[in-house]
């Protein structure tokens, strides 16, 4: 049984790496990476990139505070610092094994603050459901608001939906199909994982308590604020990077919102930090907004790489902070 699980986990990791790598290879085949160095050293406005970092950090901090709030109704009271550091670590771990971060952060709370693992996992399920609904709502509002802009774009350029589809290469269809299959595989493994939990009565009970915890949250307005603050921070973390590049600086918030929503949906495909699907989705939308292909490729490559580096640094910091706090508490106890 253990060998079968190892094989399944290895397959999932290999599939995610292959999928992300294949899409990136297809997008950047024949690409001149030397000019990326020129853009980063001489053409980028790094001030805006640095200004975006605090919002990337605060998005995870708000998530940690919200998570702690959902655990309180179940009698679990982890330290705020532990919850935040667990979030930092979970995002970094997910770069190695996609989606494992949800389990990793629950394990961190279990180890350092003795929080019940099943209850913590239940609150994570609740968070994901709420975040998914919010993203879908934002996507619907954004697309409806942009209908007139797309109509204007098509009428001015004489472009039709049929023409766009006609320009979509065979490889493009293949990549889209692979992404759809990958989502199906992810859902299969998630359902299978949940089936395993259903076999354990106490675990199911804990998860259910976590899901129901949202109804017992003391300050629902604060919970709503944290939720909006999380996604507002994510958006600003992304939007400010537009001003780093001449090609995207004048596109405006509407374009940023559309590409942000599309990118948020693309990361559902199980690859490390959405690498590949995110690049493909955002680059495609930028081209629709008349951004030249090379400039769009530069944007998605640099922005995703820098923001991924920030996730890694936060993960390392979170891991070190947890280890230090644990050793300090152990010394105090002695």
Protein backbone atom coordinates (compact mmCIF):
# COMPACT_ATOMS: atom_id res chain seq x y z
CA UNK A 1 0.00 0.00 0.00
CA UNK A 2 2.83 2.35 0.90
CA UNK A 3 4.67 1.54 -2.34
CA UNK A 4 1.50 2.24 -4.34
CA UNK A 5 1.12 5.60 -2.62
CA UNK A 6 4.74 6.49 -3.36
CA UNK A 7 4.22 5.57 -7.01
CA UNK A 8 1.05 7.71 -7.18
CA UNK A 9 2.76 10.69 -5.54
CA UNK A 10 5.77 10.34 -7.85
CA UNK A 11 3.47 10.17 -10.87
CA UNK A 12 1.63 13.33 -9.81
CA UNK A 13 4.86 15.26 -9.29
CA UNK A 14 6.29 14.03 -12.60
CA UNK A 15 3.05 14.91 -14.42
CA UNK A 16 2.95 18.44 -13.01
CA UNK A 17 6.60 19.08 -13.85
CA UNK A 18 6.21 17.62 -17.34
CA UNK A 19 3.04 19.59 -18.03
CA UNK A 20 4.49 22.90 -16.88
CA UNK A 21 7.79 22.26 -18.64
CA UNK A 22 6.10 21.22 -21.90
CA UNK A 23 3.98 24.36 -22.04
CA UNK A 24 6.94 26.62 -21.23
CA UNK A 25 9.08 24.86 -23.84
CA UNK A 26 6.37 25.29 -26.48
CA UNK A 27 5.94 28.99 -25.61
CA UNK A 28 9.64 29.85 -25.48
CA UNK A 29 11.02 27.64 -28.26
CA UNK A 30 13.38 29.78 -30.33
CA UNK A 31 13.10 32.62 -27.83
CA UNK A 32 16.13 34.88 -27.34
CA UNK A 33 16.73 34.75 -23.60
CA UNK A 34 19.69 37.14 -23.83
CA UNK A 35 17.35 40.04 -24.50
CA UNK A 36 15.54 39.21 -21.23
CA UNK A 37 18.76 40.10 -19.41
CA UNK A 38 18.83 43.42 -21.27
CA UNK A 39 15.24 44.13 -20.32
CA UNK A 40 15.85 43.31 -16.64
CA UNK A 41 19.08 45.31 -16.37
CA UNK A 42 18.35 48.35 -18.56
CA UNK A 43 14.67 48.62 -19.50
CA UNK A 44 12.66 47.57 -16.45
CA UNK A 45 11.51 49.96 -13.75
CA UNK A 46 12.39 47.91 -10.68
CA UNK A 47 10.88 50.49 -8.32
CA UNK A 48 7.37 49.28 -9.16
CA UNK A 49 8.42 45.65 -8.73
CA UNK A 50 9.76 46.42 -5.25
CA UNK A 51 6.58 48.33 -4.42
CA UNK A 52 4.56 45.24 -5.32
CA UNK A 53 6.38 43.01 -2.83
CA UNK A 54 4.62 44.25 0.35
CA UNK A 55 1.25 43.34 -1.19
CA UNK A 56 2.48 39.83 -2.04
CA UNK A 57 3.60 39.43 1.56
CA UNK A 58 0.43 40.90 3.04
CA UNK A 59 -1.78 38.58 0.97
CA UNK A 60 -0.25 35.63 2.83
CA UNK A 61 -0.33 37.45 6.18
CA UNK A 62 -4.05 38.19 5.78
CA UNK A 63 -4.60 34.53 4.87
CA UNK A 64 -2.86 33.48 8.08
CA UNK A 65 -4.99 35.83 10.18
CA UNK A 66 -8.19 34.62 8.49
CA UNK A 67 -7.22 31.00 8.98
CA UNK A 68 -6.67 31.57 12.69
CA UNK A 69 -10.09 33.20 12.91
CA UNK A 70 -11.83 30.16 11.39
CA UNK A 71 -10.11 27.83 13.87
CA UNK A 72 -11.19 29.72 16.98
CA UNK A 73 -14.86 28.52 17.00
CA UNK A 74 -13.58 24.93 17.27
CA UNK A 75 -11.50 25.69 20.34
CA UNK A 76 -8.24 25.77 18.41
CA UNK A 77 -6.16 28.86 19.10
CA UNK A 78 -2.82 28.76 17.31
CA UNK A 79 -0.50 31.69 17.61
CA UNK A 80 -0.92 34.26 14.83
CA UNK A 81 2.78 34.00 14.02
CA UNK A 82 2.57 30.22 13.65
CA UNK A 83 -0.43 30.48 11.31
CA UNK A 84 1.32 33.08 9.15
CA UNK A 85 4.60 31.18 9.00
CA UNK A 86 2.67 28.01 8.14
CA UNK A 87 1.15 29.85 5.17
CA UNK A 88 4.61 31.01 4.05
CA UNK A 89 5.91 27.44 4.20
CA UNK A 90 2.85 25.97 2.47
CA UNK A 91 3.20 28.17 -0.60
CA UNK A 92 6.89 27.35 -0.91
CA UNK A 93 6.29 23.61 -0.50
CA UNK A 94 3.63 23.71 -3.21
CA UNK A 95 6.35 24.79 -5.65
CA UNK A 96 7.84 21.31 -5.29
CA UNK A 97 4.64 19.27 -5.07
CA UNK A 98 1.55 21.16 -6.29
CA UNK A 99 -1.39 21.28 -3.83
CA UNK A 100 0.60 19.64 -1.01
CA UNK A 101 0.77 22.99 0.75
CA UNK A 102 -2.78 22.62 2.10
CA UNK A 103 -1.70 19.52 4.01
CA UNK A 104 1.69 20.95 4.94
CA UNK A 105 0.30 23.99 6.71
CA UNK A 106 -2.10 21.85 8.73
CA UNK A 107 0.83 19.65 9.72
CA UNK A 108 2.81 22.73 10.80
CA UNK A 109 0.00 23.85 13.12
CA UNK A 110 -0.26 20.32 14.47
CA UNK A 111 3.44 20.14 15.22
CA UNK A 112 4.04 23.59 16.70
CA UNK A 113 0.71 24.54 18.32
CA UNK A 114 -0.98 21.12 18.74
CA UNK A 115 -3.91 22.04 16.49
CA UNK A 116 -6.08 19.10 15.42
CA UNK A 117 -5.06 18.19 11.87
CA UNK A 118 -8.53 17.21 10.65
CA UNK A 119 -10.13 20.41 11.94
CA UNK A 120 -7.42 22.50 10.34
CA UNK A 121 -7.90 20.66 7.04
CA UNK A 122 -11.61 21.32 7.22
CA UNK A 123 -11.05 25.05 7.50
CA UNK A 124 -8.70 24.89 4.51
CA UNK A 125 -11.48 23.26 2.47
CA UNK A 126 -13.79 26.08 3.56
CA UNK A 127 -11.24 28.72 2.58
CA UNK A 128 -10.75 27.22 -0.86
CA UNK A 129 -14.48 27.08 -1.48
CA UNK A 130 -14.97 30.72 -0.46
CA UNK A 131 -11.97 31.87 -2.49
CA UNK A 132 -13.21 29.96 -5.55
CA UNK A 133 -16.65 31.58 -5.30
CA UNK A 134 -15.08 35.02 -4.94
CA UNK A 135 -12.82 34.50 -7.97
CA UNK A 136 -15.79 33.32 -10.04
CA UNK A 137 -17.77 36.39 -8.98
CA UNK A 138 -14.87 38.71 -9.84
CA UNK A 139 -14.44 36.92 -13.17
CA UNK A 140 -18.12 37.34 -14.06
CA UNK A 141 -18.13 41.04 -13.15
CA UNK A 142 -14.85 41.69 -14.96
CA UNK A 143 -15.89 39.95 -18.17
CA UNK A 144 -19.26 41.71 -18.22
CA UNK A 145 -17.56 45.05 -17.67
CA UNK A 146 -15.12 44.36 -20.50
CA UNK A 147 -17.68 43.28 -23.13
CA UNK A 148 -17.85 46.78 -24.63
CA UNK A 149 -14.06 47.02 -24.74
CA UNK A 150 -13.76 43.71 -26.57
CA UNK A 151 -16.49 44.77 -29.01
CA UNK A 152 -14.66 48.02 -29.65
CA UNK A 153 -11.39 46.17 -30.14
CA UNK A 154 -12.95 43.78 -32.66
CA UNK A 155 -14.71 46.54 -34.60
CA UNK A 156 -11.62 48.76 -34.82
CA UNK A 157 -9.30 45.97 -35.90
CA UNK A 158 -11.83 44.10 -38.03
CA UNK A 159 -11.08 40.99 -35.99
CA UNK A 160 -13.73 38.35 -35.42
CA UNK A 161 -13.90 35.46 -32.99
CA UNK A 162 -13.70 33.12 -35.96
CA UNK A 163 -10.44 34.77 -37.07
CA UNK A 164 -8.94 34.41 -33.59
CA UNK A 165 -9.87 30.75 -33.42
CA UNK A 166 -8.50 30.26 -36.90
CA UNK A 167 -5.11 31.65 -35.81
CA UNK A 168 -4.97 29.21 -32.91
CA UNK A 169 -2.40 26.61 -33.94
CA UNK A 170 -2.72 22.86 -33.65
CA UNK A 171 -0.17 22.96 -30.85
CA UNK A 172 -2.32 25.53 -29.06
CA UNK A 173 -5.28 23.19 -29.17
CA UNK A 174 -3.08 20.37 -27.88
CA UNK A 175 -1.83 22.47 -24.96
CA UNK A 176 -5.39 23.48 -24.06
CA UNK A 177 -6.46 19.84 -24.23
CA UNK A 178 -3.57 18.76 -22.00
CA UNK A 179 -4.52 21.43 -19.45
CA UNK A 180 -8.10 20.14 -19.42
CA UNK A 181 -6.89 16.58 -18.93
CA UNK A 182 -4.58 17.70 -16.12
CA UNK A 183 -7.49 19.35 -14.32
CA UNK A 184 -9.43 16.11 -14.65
CA UNK A 185 -6.52 14.13 -13.21
CA UNK A 186 -6.23 16.60 -10.31
CA UNK A 187 -9.94 16.24 -9.52
CA UNK A 188 -9.59 12.46 -9.65
CA UNK A 189 -6.78 12.44 -7.09
CA UNK A 190 -8.58 14.95 -4.86
CA UNK A 191 -11.73 12.85 -4.85
CA UNK A 192 -9.67 9.75 -4.20
CA UNK A 193 -7.90 11.49 -1.31
CA UNK A 194 -11.23 12.55 0.16
CA UNK A 195 -12.49 8.97 -0.20
CA UNK A 196 -9.61 7.86 2.00
CA UNK A 197 -10.57 10.41 4.63
CA UNK A 198 -14.19 9.25 4.48
CA UNK A 199 -13.05 5.87 5.75
CA UNK A 200 -11.95 7.42 9.02
CA UNK A 201 -14.91 8.63 11.04
CA UNK A 202 -13.03 10.98 13.35
CA UNK A 203 -11.23 12.63 10.47
CA UNK A 204 -14.46 13.23 8.58
CA UNK A 205 -15.97 14.71 11.73
CA UNK A 206 -13.04 17.08 12.10
CA UNK A 207 -13.26 18.18 8.49
CA UNK A 208 -16.99 18.77 8.80
CA UNK A 209 -16.42 20.87 11.92
CA UNK A 210 -13.88 22.90 10.01
CA UNK A 211 -16.27 23.48 7.12
CA UNK A 212 -19.03 24.55 9.52
CA UNK A 213 -16.67 26.81 11.45
CA UNK A 214 -17.42 29.74 9.13
CA UNK A 215 -20.95 29.97 10.57
CA UNK A 216 -19.54 30.29 14.08
CA UNK A 217 -16.90 32.90 13.33
CA UNK A 218 -17.34 35.66 15.88
CA UNK A 219 -16.73 38.65 13.64
CA UNK A 220 -18.03 37.85 10.15
CA UNK A 221 -17.29 41.37 8.96
CA UNK A 222 -13.65 40.90 9.89
CA UNK A 223 -13.64 37.58 8.03
CA UNK A 224 -15.09 39.32 4.97
CA UNK A 225 -12.46 42.06 5.27
CA UNK A 226 -9.64 39.50 5.43
CA UNK A 227 -11.04 37.73 2.37
CA UNK A 228 -11.25 40.92 0.34
CA UNK A 229 -7.85 42.05 1.64
CA UNK A 230 -6.27 38.77 0.51
CA UNK A 231 -7.46 39.11 -3.05
CA UNK A 232 -7.00 42.86 -3.14
CA UNK A 233 -3.38 42.34 -2.13
CA UNK A 234 -2.91 39.61 -4.73
CA UNK A 235 -4.26 41.93 -7.40
CA UNK A 236 -2.06 44.89 -6.40
CA UNK A 237 0.94 42.56 -6.18
CA UNK A 238 0.27 41.73 -9.83
CA UNK A 239 -1.05 45.09 -11.09
CA UNK A 240 1.92 47.16 -9.97
CA UNK A 241 4.20 45.02 -12.14
CA UNK A 242 2.46 46.49 -15.20
CA UNK A 243 4.33 49.74 -14.57
CA UNK A 244 7.68 47.95 -14.73
CA UNK A 245 7.44 47.57 -18.50
CA UNK A 246 6.80 50.12 -21.23
CA UNK A 247 4.55 47.70 -23.14
CA UNK A 248 2.11 47.24 -20.23
CA UNK A 249 2.41 50.52 -18.31
CA UNK A 250 -0.42 52.18 -20.24
CA UNK A 251 -2.86 49.28 -20.40
CA UNK A 252 -4.85 50.32 -17.35
CA UNK A 253 -6.52 48.55 -14.47
CA UNK A 254 -9.21 46.92 -16.62
CA UNK A 255 -6.63 44.94 -18.60
CA UNK A 256 -4.82 44.08 -15.38
CA UNK A 257 -8.06 42.76 -13.88
CA UNK A 258 -8.87 40.62 -16.93
CA UNK A 259 -5.41 39.08 -17.08
CA UNK A 260 -5.39 38.64 -13.29
CA UNK A 261 -8.68 36.71 -13.39
CA UNK A 262 -7.58 34.57 -16.32
CA UNK A 263 -4.26 33.86 -14.62
CA UNK A 264 -6.00 32.97 -11.33
CA UNK A 265 -8.12 30.42 -13.16
CA UNK A 266 -5.14 29.03 -15.07
CA UNK A 267 -3.31 28.08 -11.87
CA UNK A 268 -6.00 25.46 -11.22
CA UNK A 269 -3.92 23.28 -13.54
CA UNK A 270 -1.54 21.38 -11.20
CA UNK A 271 1.90 22.78 -12.02
CA UNK A 272 4.41 24.43 -9.64
CA UNK A 273 2.98 27.90 -8.92
CA UNK A 274 0.95 27.65 -12.13
CA UNK A 275 4.11 27.70 -14.27
CA UNK A 276 3.15 27.13 -17.88
CA UNK A 277 -0.65 27.52 -17.79
CA UNK A 278 -0.34 30.94 -16.11
CA UNK A 279 2.22 32.10 -18.67
CA UNK A 280 0.08 30.85 -21.55
CA UNK A 281 -3.18 32.40 -20.29
CA UNK A 282 -1.77 35.82 -19.36
CA UNK A 283 0.36 36.09 -22.48
CA UNK A 284 -2.62 35.27 -24.69
CA UNK A 285 -4.76 37.96 -23.06
CA UNK A 286 -2.01 40.57 -23.27
CA UNK A 287 -1.73 39.94 -27.00
CA UNK A 288 -5.49 40.49 -27.26
CA UNK A 289 -4.83 43.93 -25.73
CA UNK A 290 -2.37 44.63 -28.58
CA UNK A 291 0.83 43.87 -26.64
CA UNK A 292 3.55 42.59 -28.97
CA UNK A 293 4.28 38.87 -28.56
CA UNK A 294 7.90 39.24 -27.43
CA UNK A 295 6.98 41.92 -24.90
CA UNK A 296 4.18 39.70 -23.56
CA UNK A 297 6.58 36.76 -23.23
CA UNK A 298 9.08 38.96 -21.38
CA UNK A 299 6.36 40.17 -19.02
CA UNK A 300 5.03 36.77 -17.99
CA UNK A 301 8.50 35.24 -17.68
CA UNK A 302 9.98 38.00 -15.53
CA UNK A 303 6.93 38.67 -13.37
CA UNK A 304 6.28 35.01 -12.63
CA UNK A 305 9.96 34.30 -11.92
CA UNK A 306 10.38 37.24 -9.54
CA UNK A 307 7.13 36.54 -7.69
CA UNK A 308 8.03 32.85 -7.40
CA UNK A 309 11.39 33.88 -5.91
CA UNK A 310 9.50 35.95 -3.34
CA UNK A 311 7.41 32.88 -2.42
CA UNK A 312 10.60 30.85 -1.95
CA UNK A 313 12.18 33.51 0.26
CA UNK A 314 9.05 33.77 2.39
CA UNK A 315 8.97 29.98 2.71
CA UNK A 316 12.58 29.87 3.88
CA UNK A 317 11.90 32.70 6.33
CA UNK A 318 8.78 30.94 7.64
CA UNK A 319 10.63 27.66 8.13
CA UNK A 320 13.50 29.39 9.97
CA UNK A 321 11.10 31.39 12.14
CA UNK A 322 9.18 28.25 13.12
CA UNK A 323 12.39 26.38 13.94
CA UNK A 324 13.69 29.30 16.00
CA UNK A 325 10.45 29.76 17.93
CA UNK A 326 10.29 26.00 18.63
CA UNK A 327 13.84 25.88 19.96
CA UNK A 328 13.23 29.02 22.02
CA UNK A 329 10.10 27.52 23.61
CA UNK A 330 11.95 24.27 24.31
CA UNK A 331 14.75 26.18 26.03
CA UNK A 332 12.23 28.19 28.08
CA UNK A 333 10.44 24.99 29.15
CA UNK A 334 13.67 23.42 30.34
